[in-house]
Structure formats: structure tokens, C-alpha cells
Amino acid sequence: MPRSLPLRCPACRREHLYAAQSYPCACGAPVAPALDPGAHAVAVPHRIWEEEWLTLCCAACGRRSQWPRPELGCPCGTVLRVPVAEEDPARPPAAAPARAARPAFQPVTIRTARDAVTAAALYLRWLGYRGIRRADQRPPSGIGLAARGLVAQVDPTVRPACPRDVECLWLTAMTESAGCAYFSLAGYDPEARTRADALGVPLFVLDLTGTPQPVNDHADALAHRGR
């Protein structure tokens, strides 16, 4: 598929050349949508959240993440939706390079909020993330952690996480061009889990032994492959 595509504005008939923008996967490899030379650009009359995002597969690690659907602004004021070749969800992702077996995770018993943060940080390190620190941007609830290529939120409260918590973490990760993960002591309400599944956010529950337990497919995949 081409990395650049000639486009014609349907409103003013002006010609444009669009070059596909790449995004950094959490593994560090660039990910870019495949442009569809057989389709035409269409005007965006109004915004619909579900139509704003594409699920793209990283060819290096096989990670599937959501990224903004490409658009182009014409000088006439029309916003053009760039045609892309949709991925086949049945197509298996590229095989990731072989990794050495990880040792078993060594948890810490959770008695305090600080213990919950420590458990999440240790787990991220076990997954292969480095440079773990307190995040510069404080989340609306809980405590933020950051590592190379990832932002995480640790919620040690007794309130299950809500959809807004998940969306705020995801938006922070998008701003930083990073992956993300959510760790909660009290779990997640059903709408939060649904939103996380749609946005590709891994959700973990911290049990009192200090071992994060995956609660959705994205978390299962992260726990299995690591960074």
C-alpha cells in the first residue's frame, strides 16, 4: 500500500497530496495506516466518536492499538477523511521476536496505598519497562506512573474505576504517544471495562498479595508478551 496518496476535495475540487503519518508503538516501532488508492476522500460533516479511530497492528510486536483516523484540512474549510485499507481482524499479527523466559513475578503484600503503587511498579518492571517514575501529570484519581513508552494509573481506593478514569488515562497516553495500563484495587464498573475494551486499555486488578490480575484481553496480551 502507498505511503502517500493524491486526494481531491469533493467541495472545491482542489488537489492535495497526503502523506501517511506514523505513530510510535509502545515497543518503539513506527505504526502507520495503509492508504487505499482505490477510494476517494470524503468530507466529514460531523464528528462521531467511534468513527474517529482506527485499530492498527504493529508489524514488529503484533500489538493492536487505536490511533486517530487520518484527516486532511482543505483551505476551503472542508475536512477530508483520508481513505485507508481496513485491517482484516482475522489476519494473525506478525510474529514477535523470541524472548527469553521471564522469571516468576515476586509480589509484595498490599497493606497501604504506597504498597499498591510499589506492586504496580514492580510488575511493570517485570514486564520489561524501564525508567519507572511518578508521572509528571497527576491523574484525576489515584497515582500516575510513567516508564519509557508507557503511562500507568494506580487506583488504591475502594471505588471501582469508572469510564472517565479509563478515558483520561487513554487520552494522556495518546498525548505522550505511549501505551498505557490501569491498576485498580477495587476493580472496574461494567461501563469502564467496555470502554477499556474499545480503546485498547489493559486493565489489571491488584489483589492483596500484590499480584496484578488481568481482567480484559488487552491485559492478558500485555502480561503474556511483556514490553
C-alpha atoms as a PDB file:
ATOM      1  CA  MET A   1       0.000   0.000   0.000  1.00  0.00           C
ATOM      2  CA  PRO A   2       1.279   3.548  -0.761  1.00  0.00           C
ATOM      3  CA  ARG A   3       2.557   5.843   1.975  1.00  0.00           C
ATOM      4  CA  SER A   4       1.263   8.931   0.101  1.00  0.00           C
ATOM      5  CA  LEU A   5      -1.956   9.448  -1.803  1.00  0.00           C
ATOM      6  CA  PRO A   6      -3.368  12.144  -4.150  1.00  0.00           C
ATOM      7  CA  LEU A   7      -6.701  13.447  -2.865  1.00  0.00           C
ATOM      8  CA  ARG A   8      -9.332  15.723  -4.385  1.00  0.00           C
ATOM      9  CA  CYS A   9     -11.574  17.845  -2.176  1.00  0.00           C
ATOM     10  CA  PRO A  10     -15.214  16.990  -3.064  1.00  0.00           C
ATOM     11  CA  ALA A  11     -16.298  20.562  -2.220  1.00  0.00           C
ATOM     12  CA  CYS A  12     -13.843  22.761  -4.185  1.00  0.00           C
ATOM     13  CA  ARG A  13     -12.103  20.091  -6.345  1.00  0.00           C
ATOM     14  CA  ARG A  14      -8.672  21.223  -5.124  1.00  0.00           C
ATOM     15  CA  GLU A  15      -5.911  18.590  -5.433  1.00  0.00           C
ATOM     16  CA  HIS A  16      -3.833  17.549  -2.402  1.00  0.00           C
ATOM     17  CA  LEU A  17      -1.064  15.040  -1.723  1.00  0.00           C
ATOM     18  CA  TYR A  18      -1.442  13.321   1.639  1.00  0.00           C
ATOM     19  CA  ALA A  19       1.472  11.507   3.311  1.00  0.00           C
ATOM     20  CA  ALA A  20       0.567   8.931   5.959  1.00  0.00           C
ATOM     21  CA  GLN A  21       1.620   9.876   9.483  1.00  0.00           C
ATOM     22  CA  SER A  22       3.242   7.194  11.620  1.00  0.00           C
ATOM     23  CA  TYR A  23       2.774   6.730  15.354  1.00  0.00           C
ATOM     24  CA  PRO A  24       5.178   5.154  17.830  1.00  0.00           C
ATOM     25  CA  CYS A  25       4.011   1.809  19.177  1.00  0.00           C
ATOM     26  CA  ALA A  26       4.724   1.097  22.846  1.00  0.00           C
ATOM     27  CA  CYS A  27       7.524  -1.180  21.629  1.00  0.00           C
ATOM     28  CA  GLY A  28       9.119   1.793  19.825  1.00  0.00           C
ATOM     29  CA  ALA A  29       8.389   0.717  16.243  1.00  0.00           C
ATOM     30  CA  PRO A  30       6.515   3.111  13.903  1.00  0.00           C
ATOM     31  CA  VAL A  31       2.921   2.241  13.001  1.00  0.00           C
ATOM     32  CA  ALA A  32       1.118   3.858  10.065  1.00  0.00           C
ATOM     33  CA  PRO A  33      -2.252   3.204   8.405  1.00  0.00           C
ATOM     34  CA  ALA A  34      -2.258   1.664   4.932  1.00  0.00           C
ATOM     35  CA  LEU A  35      -3.789   4.139   2.473  1.00  0.00           C
ATOM     36  CA  ASP A  36      -6.362   2.928  -0.047  1.00  0.00           C
ATOM     37  CA  PRO A  37      -5.581   4.206  -3.576  1.00  0.00           C
ATOM     38  CA  GLY A  38      -8.861   2.804  -4.894  1.00  0.00           C
ATOM     39  CA  ALA A  39     -11.100   5.018  -2.754  1.00  0.00           C
ATOM     40  CA  HIS A  40     -11.822   8.741  -2.645  1.00  0.00           C
ATOM     41  CA  ALA A  41     -11.603  11.244   0.178  1.00  0.00           C
ATOM     42  CA  VAL A  42     -14.953  12.201   1.687  1.00  0.00           C
ATOM     43  CA  ALA A  43     -15.966  15.286   3.643  1.00  0.00           C
ATOM     44  CA  VAL A  44     -16.521  14.965   7.393  1.00  0.00           C
ATOM     45  CA  PRO A  45     -19.909  16.622   8.020  1.00  0.00           C
ATOM     46  CA  HIS A  46     -19.946  15.990  11.783  1.00  0.00           C
ATOM     47  CA  ARG A  47     -17.954  14.121  14.404  1.00  0.00           C
ATOM     48  CA  ILE A  48     -18.847  10.631  15.639  1.00  0.00           C
ATOM     49  CA  TRP A  49     -16.507   9.234  18.332  1.00  0.00           C
ATOM     50  CA  GLU A  50     -16.499   5.651  17.032  1.00  0.00           C
ATOM     51  CA  GLU A  51     -15.520   6.830  13.529  1.00  0.00           C
ATOM     52  CA  GLU A  52     -12.545   8.889  14.747  1.00  0.00           C
ATOM     53  CA  TRP A  53     -10.229   5.931  15.445  1.00  0.00           C
ATOM     54  CA  LEU A  54      -8.510   3.070  13.644  1.00  0.00           C
ATOM     55  CA  THR A  55      -7.213  -0.167  15.124  1.00  0.00           C
ATOM     56  CA  LEU A  56      -3.710  -0.719  13.752  1.00  0.00           C
ATOM     57  CA  CYS A  57      -1.420  -3.704  14.250  1.00  0.00           C
ATOM     58  CA  CYS A  58       2.279  -3.163  14.883  1.00  0.00           C
ATOM     59  CA  ALA A  59       4.304  -5.266  12.448  1.00  0.00           C
ATOM     60  CA  ALA A  60       7.160  -5.518  14.954  1.00  0.00           C
ATOM     61  CA  CYS A  61       5.408  -6.795  18.086  1.00  0.00           C
ATOM     62  CA  GLY A  62       1.849  -7.607  16.982  1.00  0.00           C
ATOM     63  CA  ARG A  63       0.291  -5.124  19.425  1.00  0.00           C
ATOM     64  CA  ARG A  64      -3.114  -3.787  18.320  1.00  0.00           C
ATOM     65  CA  SER A  65      -3.830  -0.207  19.384  1.00  0.00           C
ATOM     66  CA  GLN A  66      -6.225   2.545  18.417  1.00  0.00           C
ATOM     67  CA  TRP A  67      -4.910   5.636  16.643  1.00  0.00           C
ATOM     68  CA  PRO A  68      -6.609   8.701  15.117  1.00  0.00           C
ATOM     69  CA  ARG A  69      -8.168   8.136  11.706  1.00  0.00           C
ATOM     70  CA  PRO A  70      -6.199  10.264   9.183  1.00  0.00           C
ATOM     71  CA  GLU A  71      -7.760  13.530   8.035  1.00  0.00           C
ATOM     72  CA  LEU A  72      -6.703  16.490   5.929  1.00  0.00           C
ATOM     73  CA  GLY A  73      -7.948  20.058   6.122  1.00  0.00           C
ATOM     74  CA  CYS A  74      -8.596  21.762   2.787  1.00  0.00           C
ATOM     75  CA  PRO A  75      -8.103  25.568   2.535  1.00  0.00           C
ATOM     76  CA  CYS A  76     -11.775  25.846   1.544  1.00  0.00           C
ATOM     77  CA  GLY A  77     -12.681  24.759   5.081  1.00  0.00           C
ATOM     78  CA  THR A  78     -13.680  21.181   4.307  1.00  0.00           C
ATOM     79  CA  VAL A  79     -12.226  18.412   6.462  1.00  0.00           C
ATOM     80  CA  LEU A  80     -11.361  15.369   4.351  1.00  0.00           C
ATOM     81  CA  ARG A  81     -11.351  11.826   5.670  1.00  0.00           C
ATOM     82  CA  VAL A  82      -8.405  10.023   4.100  1.00  0.00           C
ATOM     83  CA  PRO A  83      -9.318   6.567   2.702  1.00  0.00           C
ATOM     84  CA  VAL A  84      -7.471   3.733   4.403  1.00  0.00           C
ATOM     85  CA  ALA A  85      -7.385  -0.013   3.840  1.00  0.00           C
ATOM     86  CA  GLU A  86      -9.120  -1.559   6.843  1.00  0.00           C
ATOM     87  CA  GLU A  87      -7.223  -4.377   8.505  1.00  0.00           C
ATOM     88  CA  ASP A  88      -8.649  -7.863   8.397  1.00  0.00           C
ATOM     89  CA  PRO A  89      -9.338  -8.764  12.070  1.00  0.00           C
ATOM     90  CA  ALA A  90      -8.951 -12.441  11.200  1.00  0.00           C
ATOM     91  CA  ARG A  91      -5.431 -11.881   9.907  1.00  0.00           C
ATOM     92  CA  PRO A  92      -2.918 -13.009  12.515  1.00  0.00           C
ATOM     93  CA  PRO A  93      -0.404 -10.362  13.617  1.00  0.00           C
ATOM     94  CA  ALA A  94       3.229 -10.652  12.681  1.00  0.00           C
ATOM     95  CA  ALA A  95       5.188 -12.945  14.923  1.00  0.00           C
ATOM     96  CA  ALA A  96       7.136 -11.134  17.611  1.00  0.00           C
ATOM     97  CA  PRO A  97      10.822 -11.953  18.035  1.00  0.00           C
ATOM     98  CA  ALA A  98      11.629 -14.713  20.521  1.00  0.00           C
ATOM     99  CA  ARG A  99      12.249 -13.615  24.096  1.00  0.00           C
ATOM    100  CA  ALA A 100      13.991 -15.277  26.971  1.00  0.00           C
ATOM    101  CA  ALA A 101      11.645 -16.719  29.580  1.00  0.00           C
ATOM    102  CA  ARG A 102      10.900 -14.283  32.384  1.00  0.00           C
ATOM    103  CA  PRO A 103      11.374 -15.351  35.984  1.00  0.00           C
ATOM    104  CA  ALA A 104       8.267 -15.622  38.136  1.00  0.00           C
ATOM    105  CA  PHE A 105       6.901 -12.315  39.392  1.00  0.00           C
ATOM    106  CA  GLN A 106       7.731 -11.617  43.027  1.00  0.00           C
ATOM    107  CA  PRO A 107       4.808  -9.707  44.597  1.00  0.00           C
ATOM    108  CA  VAL A 108       4.693  -7.510  47.685  1.00  0.00           C
ATOM    109  CA  THR A 109       1.778  -7.744  50.121  1.00  0.00           C
ATOM    110  CA  ILE A 110      -0.543  -4.755  49.832  1.00  0.00           C
ATOM    111  CA  ARG A 111      -1.421  -3.087  53.131  1.00  0.00           C
ATOM    112  CA  THR A 112      -1.285   0.611  52.142  1.00  0.00           C
ATOM    113  CA  ALA A 113      -1.737   2.804  49.081  1.00  0.00           C
ATOM    114  CA  ARG A 114       2.035   3.040  48.813  1.00  0.00           C
ATOM    115  CA  ASP A 115       2.218  -0.773  48.669  1.00  0.00           C
ATOM    116  CA  ALA A 116      -0.249  -0.759  45.753  1.00  0.00           C
ATOM    117  CA  VAL A 117       1.933   1.677  43.811  1.00  0.00           C
ATOM    118  CA  THR A 118       5.023  -0.380  44.612  1.00  0.00           C
ATOM    119  CA  ALA A 119       3.313  -3.570  43.413  1.00  0.00           C
ATOM    120  CA  ALA A 120       2.312  -1.947  40.113  1.00  0.00           C
ATOM    121  CA  ALA A 121       5.810  -0.516  39.574  1.00  0.00           C
ATOM    122  CA  LEU A 122       7.418  -3.895  40.254  1.00  0.00           C
ATOM    123  CA  TYR A 123       5.014  -5.557  37.837  1.00  0.00           C
ATOM    124  CA  LEU A 124       5.803  -3.043  35.097  1.00  0.00           C
ATOM    125  CA  ARG A 125       9.499  -3.643  35.651  1.00  0.00           C
ATOM    126  CA  TRP A 126       8.853  -7.391  35.449  1.00  0.00           C
ATOM    127  CA  LEU A 127       7.089  -6.814  32.118  1.00  0.00           C
ATOM    128  CA  GLY A 128      10.260  -5.167  30.818  1.00  0.00           C
ATOM    129  CA  TYR A 129       9.596  -1.445  31.266  1.00  0.00           C
ATOM    130  CA  ARG A 130      12.474   0.692  32.475  1.00  0.00           C
ATOM    131  CA  GLY A 131      12.844   4.151  33.950  1.00  0.00           C
ATOM    132  CA  ILE A 132       9.676   3.822  36.046  1.00  0.00           C
ATOM    133  CA  ARG A 133       8.848   7.007  37.960  1.00  0.00           C
ATOM    134  CA  ARG A 134       5.954   9.108  39.202  1.00  0.00           C
ATOM    135  CA  ALA A 135       4.172  10.647  36.234  1.00  0.00           C
ATOM    136  CA  ASP A 136       4.539  14.376  35.637  1.00  0.00           C
ATOM    137  CA  GLN A 137       0.808  14.730  35.031  1.00  0.00           C
ATOM    138  CA  ARG A 138      -1.372  13.806  38.006  1.00  0.00           C
ATOM    139  CA  PRO A 139      -4.456  11.729  37.068  1.00  0.00           C
ATOM    140  CA  PRO A 140      -7.959  12.725  38.252  1.00  0.00           C
ATOM    141  CA  SER A 141      -7.856   9.850  40.738  1.00  0.00           C
ATOM    142  CA  GLY A 142      -5.149   7.555  42.042  1.00  0.00           C
ATOM    143  CA  ILE A 143      -1.446   7.852  41.282  1.00  0.00           C
ATOM    144  CA  GLY A 144       0.256   8.093  37.910  1.00  0.00           C
ATOM    145  CA  LEU A 145       3.351   6.152  36.899  1.00  0.00           C
ATOM    146  CA  ALA A 146       5.440   6.607  33.771  1.00  0.00           C
ATOM    147  CA  ALA A 147       8.076   4.489  32.052  1.00  0.00           C
ATOM    148  CA  ARG A 148       9.708   4.518  28.642  1.00  0.00           C
ATOM    149  CA  GLY A 149       6.822   4.009  26.221  1.00  0.00           C
ATOM    150  CA  LEU A 150       4.093   3.675  28.850  1.00  0.00           C
ATOM    151  CA  VAL A 151       1.921   5.612  31.275  1.00  0.00           C
ATOM    152  CA  ALA A 152       0.041   3.797  34.044  1.00  0.00           C
ATOM    153  CA  GLN A 153      -2.549   4.683  36.644  1.00  0.00           C
ATOM    154  CA  VAL A 154      -2.739   3.027  40.050  1.00  0.00           C
ATOM    155  CA  ASP A 155      -6.017   3.428  41.931  1.00  0.00           C
ATOM    156  CA  PRO A 156      -5.693   2.175  45.534  1.00  0.00           C
ATOM    157  CA  THR A 157      -9.156   3.402  46.612  1.00  0.00           C
ATOM    158  CA  VAL A 158     -12.220   1.257  47.393  1.00  0.00           C
ATOM    159  CA  ARG A 159     -14.177   2.785  44.491  1.00  0.00           C
ATOM    160  CA  PRO A 160     -14.314   0.800  41.244  1.00  0.00           C
ATOM    161  CA  ALA A 161     -12.850   2.724  38.313  1.00  0.00           C
ATOM    162  CA  CYS A 162     -15.395   4.413  36.022  1.00  0.00           C
ATOM    163  CA  PRO A 163     -15.319   5.091  32.257  1.00  0.00           C
ATOM    164  CA  ARG A 164     -13.986   8.624  32.784  1.00  0.00           C
ATOM    165  CA  ASP A 165     -10.958   7.223  34.648  1.00  0.00           C
ATOM    166  CA  VAL A 166     -10.159   4.921  31.729  1.00  0.00           C
ATOM    167  CA  GLU A 167     -10.680   7.646  29.116  1.00  0.00           C
ATOM    168  CA  CYS A 168      -8.455  10.134  30.967  1.00  0.00           C
ATOM    169  CA  LEU A 169      -5.628   7.589  31.114  1.00  0.00           C
ATOM    170  CA  TRP A 170      -6.047   6.757  27.431  1.00  0.00           C
ATOM    171  CA  LEU A 171      -6.020  10.436  26.435  1.00  0.00           C
ATOM    172  CA  THR A 172      -2.863  11.012  28.488  1.00  0.00           C
ATOM    173  CA  ALA A 173      -1.208   8.082  26.723  1.00  0.00           C
ATOM    174  CA  MET A 174      -2.260   9.467  23.319  1.00  0.00           C
ATOM    175  CA  THR A 175      -0.782  12.860  24.226  1.00  0.00           C
ATOM    176  CA  GLU A 176       2.509  11.204  25.170  1.00  0.00           C
ATOM    177  CA  SER A 177       2.466   8.780  22.186  1.00  0.00           C
ATOM    178  CA  ALA A 178       2.732   5.907  24.649  1.00  0.00           C
ATOM    179  CA  GLY A 179       0.948   2.754  25.686  1.00  0.00           C
ATOM    180  CA  CYS A 180      -0.987   2.589  28.934  1.00  0.00           C
ATOM    181  CA  ALA A 181      -2.172   0.265  31.701  1.00  0.00           C
ATOM    182  CA  TYR A 182      -4.604   0.666  34.589  1.00  0.00           C
ATOM    183  CA  PHE A 183      -4.174  -0.972  38.013  1.00  0.00           C
ATOM    184  CA  SER A 184      -7.127  -0.868  40.417  1.00  0.00           C
ATOM    185  CA  LEU A 185      -7.556  -2.310  43.897  1.00  0.00           C
ATOM    186  CA  ALA A 186     -11.377  -2.245  43.744  1.00  0.00           C
ATOM    187  CA  GLY A 187     -11.829  -3.296  40.125  1.00  0.00           C
ATOM    188  CA  TYR A 188     -13.903  -1.627  37.401  1.00  0.00           C
ATOM    189  CA  ASP A 189     -17.561  -0.966  36.794  1.00  0.00           C
ATOM    190  CA  PRO A 190     -19.046  -2.668  33.685  1.00  0.00           C
ATOM    191  CA  GLU A 191     -19.023   0.528  31.586  1.00  0.00           C
ATOM    192  CA  ALA A 192     -15.364   1.118  32.384  1.00  0.00           C
ATOM    193  CA  ARG A 193     -14.495  -2.383  31.171  1.00  0.00           C
ATOM    194  CA  THR A 194     -16.478  -1.853  27.977  1.00  0.00           C
ATOM    195  CA  ARG A 195     -14.742   1.471  27.333  1.00  0.00           C
ATOM    196  CA  ALA A 196     -11.304  -0.035  28.001  1.00  0.00           C
ATOM    197  CA  ASP A 197     -12.003  -2.855  25.549  1.00  0.00           C
ATOM    198  CA  ALA A 198     -12.963  -0.321  22.872  1.00  0.00           C
ATOM    199  CA  LEU A 199      -9.910   1.885  23.483  1.00  0.00           C
ATOM    200  CA  GLY A 200      -7.383  -0.928  23.904  1.00  0.00           C
ATOM    201  CA  VAL A 201      -6.545  -0.152  27.549  1.00  0.00           C
ATOM    202  CA  PRO A 202      -5.154  -3.088  29.587  1.00  0.00           C
ATOM    203  CA  LEU A 203      -6.947  -3.412  32.943  1.00  0.00           C
ATOM    204  CA  PHE A 204      -5.442  -5.136  35.976  1.00  0.00           C
ATOM    205  CA  VAL A 205      -6.853  -5.757  39.439  1.00  0.00           C
ATOM    206  CA  LEU A 206      -4.409  -5.714  42.343  1.00  0.00           C
ATOM    207  CA  ASP A 207      -5.136  -8.498  44.799  1.00  0.00           C
ATOM    208  CA  LEU A 208      -3.909  -8.207  48.367  1.00  0.00           C
ATOM    209  CA  THR A 209      -0.938 -10.477  47.669  1.00  0.00           C
ATOM    210  CA  GLY A 210       0.338  -7.740  45.348  1.00  0.00           C
ATOM    211  CA  THR A 211      -0.040  -9.737  42.133  1.00  0.00           C
ATOM    212  CA  PRO A 212      -1.818  -7.832  39.317  1.00  0.00           C
ATOM    213  CA  GLN A 213      -4.528  -9.952  37.697  1.00  0.00           C
ATOM    214  CA  PRO A 214      -5.542  -9.217  34.061  1.00  0.00           C
ATOM    215  CA  VAL A 215      -9.257  -8.555  33.671  1.00  0.00           C
ATOM    216  CA  ASN A 216      -9.514  -7.975  29.900  1.00  0.00           C
ATOM    217  CA  ASP A 217      -7.921  -9.333  26.732  1.00  0.00           C
ATOM    218  CA  HIS A 218      -5.589  -6.351  26.357  1.00  0.00           C
ATOM    219  CA  ALA A 219      -4.163  -7.005  29.826  1.00  0.00           C
ATOM    220  CA  ASP A 220      -3.828 -10.727  29.059  1.00  0.00           C
ATOM    221  CA  ALA A 221      -1.841  -9.883  25.922  1.00  0.00           C
ATOM    222  CA  LEU A 222       0.428  -7.447  27.786  1.00  0.00           C
ATOM    223  CA  ALA A 223       1.045  -9.923  30.602  1.00  0.00           C
ATOM    224  CA  HIS A 224       1.883 -12.646  28.105  1.00  0.00           C
ATOM    225  CA  ARG A 225       4.264 -10.761  25.846  1.00  0.00           C
ATOM    226  CA  GLY A 226       5.679  -8.119  28.205  1.00  0.00           C
ATOM    227  CA  ARG A 227       7.045  -4.879  26.835  1.00  0.00           C
END
